[in-house]
PDB file of N, CA and C in Angstrom:
ATOM      1  N   UNK A   1     -29.739 -51.894  26.101  1.00  0.00           N
ATOM      2  CA  UNK A   1     -29.962 -51.983  27.598  1.00  0.00           C
ATOM      3  C   UNK A   1     -30.822 -53.453  27.757  1.00  0.00           C
ATOM      4  N   UNK A   2     -30.468 -54.349  28.511  1.00  0.00           N
ATOM      5  CA  UNK A   2     -31.079 -55.550  28.822  1.00  0.00           C
ATOM      6  C   UNK A   2     -32.122 -55.415  30.125  1.00  0.00           C
ATOM      7  N   UNK A   3     -33.554 -55.913  29.873  1.00  0.00           N
ATOM      8  CA  UNK A   3     -34.237 -55.794  31.088  1.00  0.00           C
ATOM      9  C   UNK A   3     -34.329 -57.136  32.017  1.00  0.00           C
ATOM     10  N   UNK A   4     -34.522 -57.297  33.267  1.00  0.00           N
ATOM     11  CA  UNK A   4     -34.163 -58.171  33.798  1.00  0.00           C
ATOM     12  C   UNK A   4     -35.745 -58.564  34.385  1.00  0.00           C
ATOM     13  N   UNK A   5     -36.191 -60.063  34.570  1.00  0.00           N
ATOM     14  CA  UNK A   5     -37.351 -60.340  34.895  1.00  0.00           C
ATOM     15  C   UNK A   5     -37.351 -60.201  36.284  1.00  0.00           C
ATOM     16  N   UNK A   6     -38.766 -60.128  36.841  1.00  0.00           N
ATOM     17  CA  UNK A   6     -38.933 -59.861  38.254  1.00  0.00           C
ATOM     18  C   UNK A   6     -38.227 -60.808  39.223  1.00  0.00           C
ATOM     19  N   UNK A   7     -38.269 -62.111  38.751  1.00  0.00           N
ATOM     20  CA  UNK A   7     -37.839 -63.186  39.608  1.00  0.00           C
ATOM     21  C   UNK A   7     -36.017 -62.703  39.593  1.00  0.00           C
ATOM     22  N   UNK A   8     -35.665 -62.593  38.490  1.00  0.00           N
ATOM     23  CA  UNK A   8     -34.033 -62.257  38.263  1.00  0.00           C
ATOM     24  C   UNK A   8     -33.851 -60.905  39.336  1.00  0.00           C
ATOM     25  N   UNK A   9     -34.549 -59.931  39.424  1.00  0.00           N
ATOM     26  CA  UNK A   9     -34.492 -58.768  40.391  1.00  0.00           C
ATOM     27  C   UNK A   9     -34.312 -59.367  41.625  1.00  0.00           C
ATOM     28  N   UNK A  10     -35.170 -60.036  42.034  1.00  0.00           N
ATOM     29  CA  UNK A  10     -35.336 -60.772  43.358  1.00  0.00           C
ATOM     30  C   UNK A  10     -34.387 -61.425  43.933  1.00  0.00           C
ATOM     31  N   UNK A  11     -33.892 -62.020  42.881  1.00  0.00           N
ATOM     32  CA  UNK A  11     -32.623 -62.919  43.308  1.00  0.00           C
ATOM     33  C   UNK A  11     -31.256 -62.106  43.306  1.00  0.00           C
ATOM     34  N   UNK A  12     -31.260 -61.019  42.900  1.00  0.00           N
ATOM     35  CA  UNK A  12     -30.156 -60.104  42.807  1.00  0.00           C
ATOM     36  C   UNK A  12     -30.371 -59.181  44.228  1.00  0.00           C
ATOM     37  N   UNK A  13     -31.454 -58.848  44.414  1.00  0.00           N
ATOM     38  CA  UNK A  13     -31.999 -58.012  45.679  1.00  0.00           C
ATOM     39  C   UNK A  13     -31.766 -58.885  47.055  1.00  0.00           C
ATOM     40  N   UNK A  14     -31.894 -60.394  46.739  1.00  0.00           N
ATOM     41  CA  UNK A  14     -31.454 -61.258  48.111  1.00  0.00           C
ATOM     42  C   UNK A  14     -29.923 -61.225  48.615  1.00  0.00           C
ATOM     43  N   UNK A  15     -29.018 -61.043  47.524  1.00  0.00           N
ATOM     44  CA  UNK A  15     -27.808 -60.983  47.673  1.00  0.00           C
ATOM     45  C   UNK A  15     -27.403 -59.724  47.882  1.00  0.00           C
ATOM     46  N   UNK A  16     -28.024 -58.667  47.394  1.00  0.00           N
ATOM     47  CA  UNK A  16     -27.189 -57.234  47.258  1.00  0.00           C
ATOM     48  C   UNK A  16     -27.925 -56.403  48.520  1.00  0.00           C
ATOM     49  N   UNK A  17     -29.030 -56.574  48.695  1.00  0.00           N
ATOM     50  CA  UNK A  17     -29.842 -55.480  49.466  1.00  0.00           C
ATOM     51  C   UNK A  17     -30.336 -56.148  50.938  1.00  0.00           C
ATOM     52  N   UNK A  18     -29.727 -55.766  52.195  1.00  0.00           N
ATOM     53  CA  UNK A  18     -30.207 -56.403  53.454  1.00  0.00           C
ATOM     54  C   UNK A  18     -31.397 -55.964  53.653  1.00  0.00           C
ATOM     55  N   UNK A  19     -32.099 -54.902  53.206  1.00  0.00           N
ATOM     56  CA  UNK A  19     -33.446 -54.419  53.684  1.00  0.00           C
ATOM     57  C   UNK A  19     -34.138 -55.529  52.945  1.00  0.00           C
ATOM     58  N   UNK A  20     -34.109 -55.537  51.656  1.00  0.00           N
ATOM     59  CA  UNK A  20     -34.904 -56.605  50.971  1.00  0.00           C
ATOM     60  C   UNK A  20     -34.864 -58.094  51.485  1.00  0.00           C
ATOM     61  N   UNK A  21     -33.667 -58.314  51.810  1.00  0.00           N
ATOM     62  CA  UNK A  21     -33.620 -59.823  52.344  1.00  0.00           C
ATOM     63  C   UNK A  21     -34.384 -59.845  53.593  1.00  0.00           C
ATOM     64  N   UNK A  22     -34.355 -58.769  54.713  1.00  0.00           N
ATOM     65  CA  UNK A  22     -34.760 -58.655  55.738  1.00  0.00           C
ATOM     66  C   UNK A  22     -36.431 -58.771  55.635  1.00  0.00           C
ATOM     67  N   UNK A  23     -37.109 -58.176  54.574  1.00  0.00           N
ATOM     68  CA  UNK A  23     -38.351 -58.161  54.441  1.00  0.00           C
ATOM     69  C   UNK A  23     -38.817 -59.477  53.874  1.00  0.00           C
ATOM     70  N   UNK A  24     -37.824 -60.234  53.030  1.00  0.00           N
ATOM     71  CA  UNK A  24     -38.257 -61.291  52.370  1.00  0.00           C
ATOM     72  C   UNK A  24     -38.385 -62.582  53.290  1.00  0.00           C
ATOM     73  N   UNK A  25     -37.265 -62.579  54.318  1.00  0.00           N
ATOM     74  CA  UNK A  25     -37.349 -63.455  55.438  1.00  0.00           C
ATOM     75  C   UNK A  25     -38.649 -63.364  56.353  1.00  0.00           C
ATOM     76  N   UNK A  26     -38.814 -62.293  56.894  1.00  0.00           N
ATOM     77  CA  UNK A  26     -40.021 -61.832  57.431  1.00  0.00           C
ATOM     78  C   UNK A  26     -41.376 -62.564  56.820  1.00  0.00           C
ATOM     79  N   UNK A  27     -41.466 -61.983  55.482  1.00  0.00           N
ATOM     80  CA  UNK A  27     -42.439 -62.523  54.641  1.00  0.00           C
ATOM     81  C   UNK A  27     -42.813 -63.985  54.515  1.00  0.00           C
ATOM     82  N   UNK A  28     -41.522 -64.820  54.458  1.00  0.00           N
ATOM     83  CA  UNK A  28     -41.704 -66.194  54.416  1.00  0.00           C
ATOM     84  C   UNK A  28     -42.142 -66.664  56.000  1.00  0.00           C
ATOM     85  N   UNK A  29     -41.830 -66.057  57.057  1.00  0.00           N
ATOM     86  CA  UNK A  29     -42.110 -66.662  58.341  1.00  0.00           C
ATOM     87  C   UNK A  29     -43.606 -66.514  58.403  1.00  0.00           C
ATOM     88  N   UNK A  30     -44.150 -65.212  57.963  1.00  0.00           N
ATOM     89  CA  UNK A  30     -45.556 -65.108  58.219  1.00  0.00           C
ATOM     90  C   UNK A  30     -46.513 -65.947  57.166  1.00  0.00           C
ATOM     91  N   UNK A  31     -45.873 -66.038  56.196  1.00  0.00           N
ATOM     92  CA  UNK A  31     -46.457 -67.260  55.268  1.00  0.00           C
ATOM     93  C   UNK A  31     -46.391 -68.531  56.060  1.00  0.00           C
ATOM     94  N   UNK A  32     -45.469 -69.104  56.443  1.00  0.00           N
ATOM     95  CA  UNK A  32     -45.362 -70.243  57.245  1.00  0.00           C
ATOM     96  C   UNK A  32     -46.310 -70.111  58.352  1.00  0.00           C
ATOM     97  N   UNK A  33     -46.487 -69.192  59.113  1.00  0.00           N
ATOM     98  CA  UNK A  33     -47.402 -69.045  60.352  1.00  0.00           C
ATOM     99  C   UNK A  33     -48.812 -69.080  59.919  1.00  0.00           C
ATOM    100  N   UNK A  34     -49.329 -68.419  58.525  1.00  0.00           N
ATOM    101  CA  UNK A  34     -50.455 -68.407  58.005  1.00  0.00           C
ATOM    102  C   UNK A  34     -50.899 -70.013  57.588  1.00  0.00           C
ATOM    103  N   UNK A  35     -49.921 -70.481  57.085  1.00  0.00           N
ATOM    104  CA  UNK A  35     -50.153 -71.886  56.645  1.00  0.00           C
ATOM    105  C   UNK A  35     -50.524 -72.963  57.653  1.00  0.00           C
ATOM    106  N   UNK A  36     -49.607 -72.718  58.761  1.00  0.00           N
ATOM    107  CA  UNK A  36     -50.129 -73.529  60.209  1.00  0.00           C
ATOM    108  C   UNK A  36     -51.555 -73.424  60.575  1.00  0.00           C
ATOM    109  N   UNK A  37     -51.934 -72.175  60.526  1.00  0.00           N
ATOM    110  CA  UNK A  37     -53.238 -71.802  61.060  1.00  0.00           C
ATOM    111  C   UNK A  37     -54.221 -72.388  60.136  1.00  0.00           C
ATOM    112  N   UNK A  38     -54.130 -71.956  58.653  1.00  0.00           N
ATOM    113  CA  UNK A  38     -55.015 -72.544  57.542  1.00  0.00           C
ATOM    114  C   UNK A  38     -55.125 -74.107  57.437  1.00  0.00           C
ATOM    115  N   UNK A  39     -54.076 -74.571  58.067  1.00  0.00           N
ATOM    116  CA  UNK A  39     -54.390 -75.964  57.856  1.00  0.00           C
ATOM    117  C   UNK A  39     -55.051 -76.795  58.912  1.00  0.00           C
ATOM    118  N   UNK A  40     -55.416 -75.952  59.960  1.00  0.00           N
ATOM    119  CA  UNK A  40     -56.477 -76.326  60.963  1.00  0.00           C
ATOM    120  C   UNK A  40     -57.911 -76.674  60.605  1.00  0.00           C
ATOM    121  N   UNK A  41     -58.618 -77.417  60.884  1.00  0.00           N
ATOM    122  CA  UNK A  41     -59.974 -77.499  60.408  1.00  0.00           C
ATOM    123  C   UNK A  41     -61.084 -76.756  61.010  1.00  0.00           C
ATOM    124  N   UNK A  42     -60.698 -76.329  62.196  1.00  0.00           N
ATOM    125  CA  UNK A  42     -61.552 -75.226  62.696  1.00  0.00           C
ATOM    126  C   UNK A  42     -60.796 -74.092  63.446  1.00  0.00           C
ATOM    127  N   UNK A  43     -61.125 -72.871  63.353  1.00  0.00           N
ATOM    128  CA  UNK A  43     -60.416 -71.836  63.980  1.00  0.00           C
ATOM    129  C   UNK A  43     -61.295 -70.924  64.962  1.00  0.00           C
ATOM    130  N   UNK A  44     -60.852 -70.840  66.267  1.00  0.00           N
ATOM    131  CA  UNK A  44     -61.534 -70.088  67.139  1.00  0.00           C
ATOM    132  C   UNK A  44     -61.323 -68.746  66.929  1.00  0.00           C
ATOM    133  N   UNK A  45     -61.928 -67.785  67.513  1.00  0.00           N
ATOM    134  CA  UNK A  45     -61.992 -66.303  67.451  1.00  0.00           C
ATOM    135  C   UNK A  45     -60.378 -65.873  67.664  1.00  0.00           C
ATOM    136  N   UNK A  46     -59.869 -66.215  68.517  1.00  0.00           N
ATOM    137  CA  UNK A  46     -58.244 -65.784  68.579  1.00  0.00           C
ATOM    138  C   UNK A  46     -57.589 -66.030  67.315  1.00  0.00           C
ATOM    139  N   UNK A  47     -57.639 -67.130  66.726  1.00  0.00           N
ATOM    140  CA  UNK A  47     -56.875 -67.752  65.726  1.00  0.00           C
ATOM    141  C   UNK A  47     -57.538 -67.040  64.287  1.00  0.00           C
ATOM    142  N   UNK A  48     -58.898 -66.706  64.183  1.00  0.00           N
ATOM    143  CA  UNK A  48     -59.335 -65.927  63.120  1.00  0.00           C
ATOM    144  C   UNK A  48     -58.638 -64.515  63.126  1.00  0.00           C
ATOM    145  N   UNK A  49     -58.601 -64.018  64.386  1.00  0.00           N
ATOM    146  CA  UNK A  49     -58.075 -62.691  64.517  1.00  0.00           C
ATOM    147  C   UNK A  49     -56.591 -62.715  63.829  1.00  0.00           C
ATOM    148  N   UNK A  50     -55.718 -63.671  64.421  1.00  0.00           N
ATOM    149  CA  UNK A  50     -54.565 -63.993  64.087  1.00  0.00           C
ATOM    150  C   UNK A  50     -54.311 -64.193  62.596  1.00  0.00           C
ATOM    151  N   UNK A  51     -55.158 -64.786  62.148  1.00  0.00           N
ATOM    152  CA  UNK A  51     -55.167 -65.042  60.485  1.00  0.00           C
ATOM    153  C   UNK A  51     -55.334 -63.834  59.968  1.00  0.00           C
ATOM    154  N   UNK A  52     -56.257 -62.841  60.285  1.00  0.00           N
ATOM    155  CA  UNK A  52     -56.435 -61.628  59.585  1.00  0.00           C
ATOM    156  C   UNK A  52     -55.259 -60.620  59.770  1.00  0.00           C
ATOM    157  N   UNK A  53     -54.583 -60.641  61.085  1.00  0.00           N
ATOM    158  CA  UNK A  53     -53.425 -59.992  61.016  1.00  0.00           C
ATOM    159  C   UNK A  53     -52.282 -60.257  60.421  1.00  0.00           C
ATOM    160  N   UNK A  54     -52.210 -61.770  60.410  1.00  0.00           N
ATOM    161  CA  UNK A  54     -50.912 -62.088  59.586  1.00  0.00           C
ATOM    162  C   UNK A  54     -51.033 -61.852  58.206  1.00  0.00           C
ATOM    163  N   UNK A  55     -52.117 -61.868  57.557  1.00  0.00           N
ATOM    164  CA  UNK A  55     -52.446 -61.604  56.245  1.00  0.00           C
ATOM    165  C   UNK A  55     -52.255 -60.011  55.881  1.00  0.00           C
ATOM    166  N   UNK A  56     -52.486 -59.104  56.750  1.00  0.00           N
ATOM    167  CA  UNK A  56     -52.452 -57.741  56.656  1.00  0.00           C
ATOM    168  C   UNK A  56     -50.957 -57.467  56.666  1.00  0.00           C
ATOM    169  N   UNK A  57     -50.277 -58.114  57.533  1.00  0.00           N
ATOM    170  CA  UNK A  57     -48.967 -57.746  57.704  1.00  0.00           C
ATOM    171  C   UNK A  57     -48.080 -58.284  56.684  1.00  0.00           C
ATOM    172  N   UNK A  58     -48.336 -59.522  56.177  1.00  0.00           N
ATOM    173  CA  UNK A  58     -47.693 -60.313  55.037  1.00  0.00           C
ATOM    174  C   UNK A  58     -47.801 -59.463  53.755  1.00  0.00           C
ATOM    175  N   UNK A  59     -49.301 -58.777  53.710  1.00  0.00           N
ATOM    176  CA  UNK A  59     -49.427 -58.189  52.462  1.00  0.00           C
ATOM    177  C   UNK A  59     -48.469 -56.660  52.415  1.00  0.00           C
ATOM    178  N   UNK A  60     -48.349 -56.158  53.715  1.00  0.00           N
ATOM    179  CA  UNK A  60     -47.498 -54.921  53.992  1.00  0.00           C
ATOM    180  C   UNK A  60     -46.043 -55.319  53.316  1.00  0.00           C
ATOM    181  N   UNK A  61     -45.564 -56.411  54.064  1.00  0.00           N
ATOM    182  CA  UNK A  61     -44.332 -56.718  53.414  1.00  0.00           C
ATOM    183  C   UNK A  61     -44.079 -56.917  52.049  1.00  0.00           C
ATOM    184  N   UNK A  62     -45.193 -57.627  51.588  1.00  0.00           N
ATOM    185  CA  UNK A  62     -44.990 -57.839  50.147  1.00  0.00           C
ATOM    186  C   UNK A  62     -44.935 -56.515  49.187  1.00  0.00           C
ATOM    187  N   UNK A  63     -46.036 -55.813  49.796  1.00  0.00           N
ATOM    188  CA  UNK A  63     -45.790 -54.291  49.107  1.00  0.00           C
ATOM    189  C   UNK A  63     -44.462 -53.701  49.238  1.00  0.00           C
ATOM    190  N   UNK A  64     -43.852 -53.467  50.365  1.00  0.00           N
ATOM    191  CA  UNK A  64     -42.601 -52.988  50.509  1.00  0.00           C
ATOM    192  C   UNK A  64     -41.554 -53.775  49.583  1.00  0.00           C
ATOM    193  N   UNK A  65     -41.645 -55.101  49.527  1.00  0.00           N
ATOM    194  CA  UNK A  65     -40.582 -55.610  48.637  1.00  0.00           C
ATOM    195  C   UNK A  65     -40.690 -55.269  47.180  1.00  0.00           C
ATOM    196  N   UNK A  66     -42.121 -55.159  46.836  1.00  0.00           N
ATOM    197  CA  UNK A  66     -42.494 -54.863  45.250  1.00  0.00           C
ATOM    198  C   UNK A  66     -41.736 -53.522  45.150  1.00  0.00           C
ATOM    199  N   UNK A  67     -42.107 -52.772  45.941  1.00  0.00           N
ATOM    200  CA  UNK A  67     -41.732 -51.251  45.830  1.00  0.00           C
ATOM    201  C   UNK A  67     -39.933 -51.257  45.510  1.00  0.00           C
ATOM    202  N   UNK A  68     -39.261 -51.958  46.550  1.00  0.00           N
ATOM    203  CA  UNK A  68     -37.912 -51.934  46.261  1.00  0.00           C
ATOM    204  C   UNK A  68     -37.373 -52.797  44.781  1.00  0.00           C
ATOM    205  N   UNK A  69     -38.308 -53.699  44.368  1.00  0.00           N
ATOM    206  CA  UNK A  69     -38.143 -54.459  43.090  1.00  0.00           C
ATOM    207  C   UNK A  69     -38.240 -53.584  41.997  1.00  0.00           C
ATOM    208  N   UNK A  70     -39.338 -52.668  42.144  1.00  0.00           N
ATOM    209  CA  UNK A  70     -39.766 -51.683  40.958  1.00  0.00           C
ATOM    210  C   UNK A  70     -38.397 -50.819  40.969  1.00  0.00           C
ATOM    211  N   UNK A  71     -38.112 -50.325  42.184  1.00  0.00           N
ATOM    212  CA  UNK A  71     -37.000 -49.215  42.003  1.00  0.00           C
ATOM    213  C   UNK A  71     -35.752 -49.757  41.312  1.00  0.00           C
ATOM    214  N   UNK A  72     -35.445 -50.713  41.653  1.00  0.00           N
ATOM    215  CA  UNK A  72     -34.160 -51.657  41.141  1.00  0.00           C
ATOM    216  C   UNK A  72     -34.184 -52.251  39.778  1.00  0.00           C
ATOM    217  N   UNK A  73     -35.507 -52.605  39.264  1.00  0.00           N
ATOM    218  CA  UNK A  73     -35.794 -52.829  38.014  1.00  0.00           C
ATOM    219  C   UNK A  73     -35.686 -51.801  37.082  1.00  0.00           C
ATOM    220  N   UNK A  74     -35.828 -50.490  37.491  1.00  0.00           N
ATOM    221  CA  UNK A  74     -35.685 -49.415  36.620  1.00  0.00           C
ATOM    222  C   UNK A  74     -34.392 -48.933  36.153  1.00  0.00           C
ATOM    223  N   UNK A  75     -33.342 -49.408  37.083  1.00  0.00           N
ATOM    224  CA  UNK A  75     -32.062 -49.135  36.860  1.00  0.00           C
ATOM    225  C   UNK A  75     -31.616 -50.026  35.859  1.00  0.00           C
ATOM    226  N   UNK A  76     -30.612 -49.285  34.821  1.00  0.00           N
ATOM    227  CA  UNK A  76     -30.159 -49.748  33.783  1.00  0.00           C
ATOM    228  C   UNK A  76     -28.952 -50.805  34.249  1.00  0.00           C
ATOM    229  N   UNK A  77     -28.757 -52.005  33.538  1.00  0.00           N
ATOM    230  CA  UNK A  77     -28.085 -53.009  33.691  1.00  0.00           C
ATOM    231  C   UNK A  77     -26.560 -52.688  33.296  1.00  0.00           C
TER     232      UNK A  77
END
């Protein structure tokens, strides 16, 4: 039995699992938004709150993706 690397599993899931693909697209969008905020030299209160919110949502998406990867990785190839 061959075990796949985490990157291999993620690549396969992007093609096979619409839920994983949706989560990955959302995660990348939140990452992009965070990068925009973090590129600013100064953040006002609203931007600080938005940054905190984006980080929480992005982490939740990553956790969901990790759960799917773990389930998929346990399956025999």
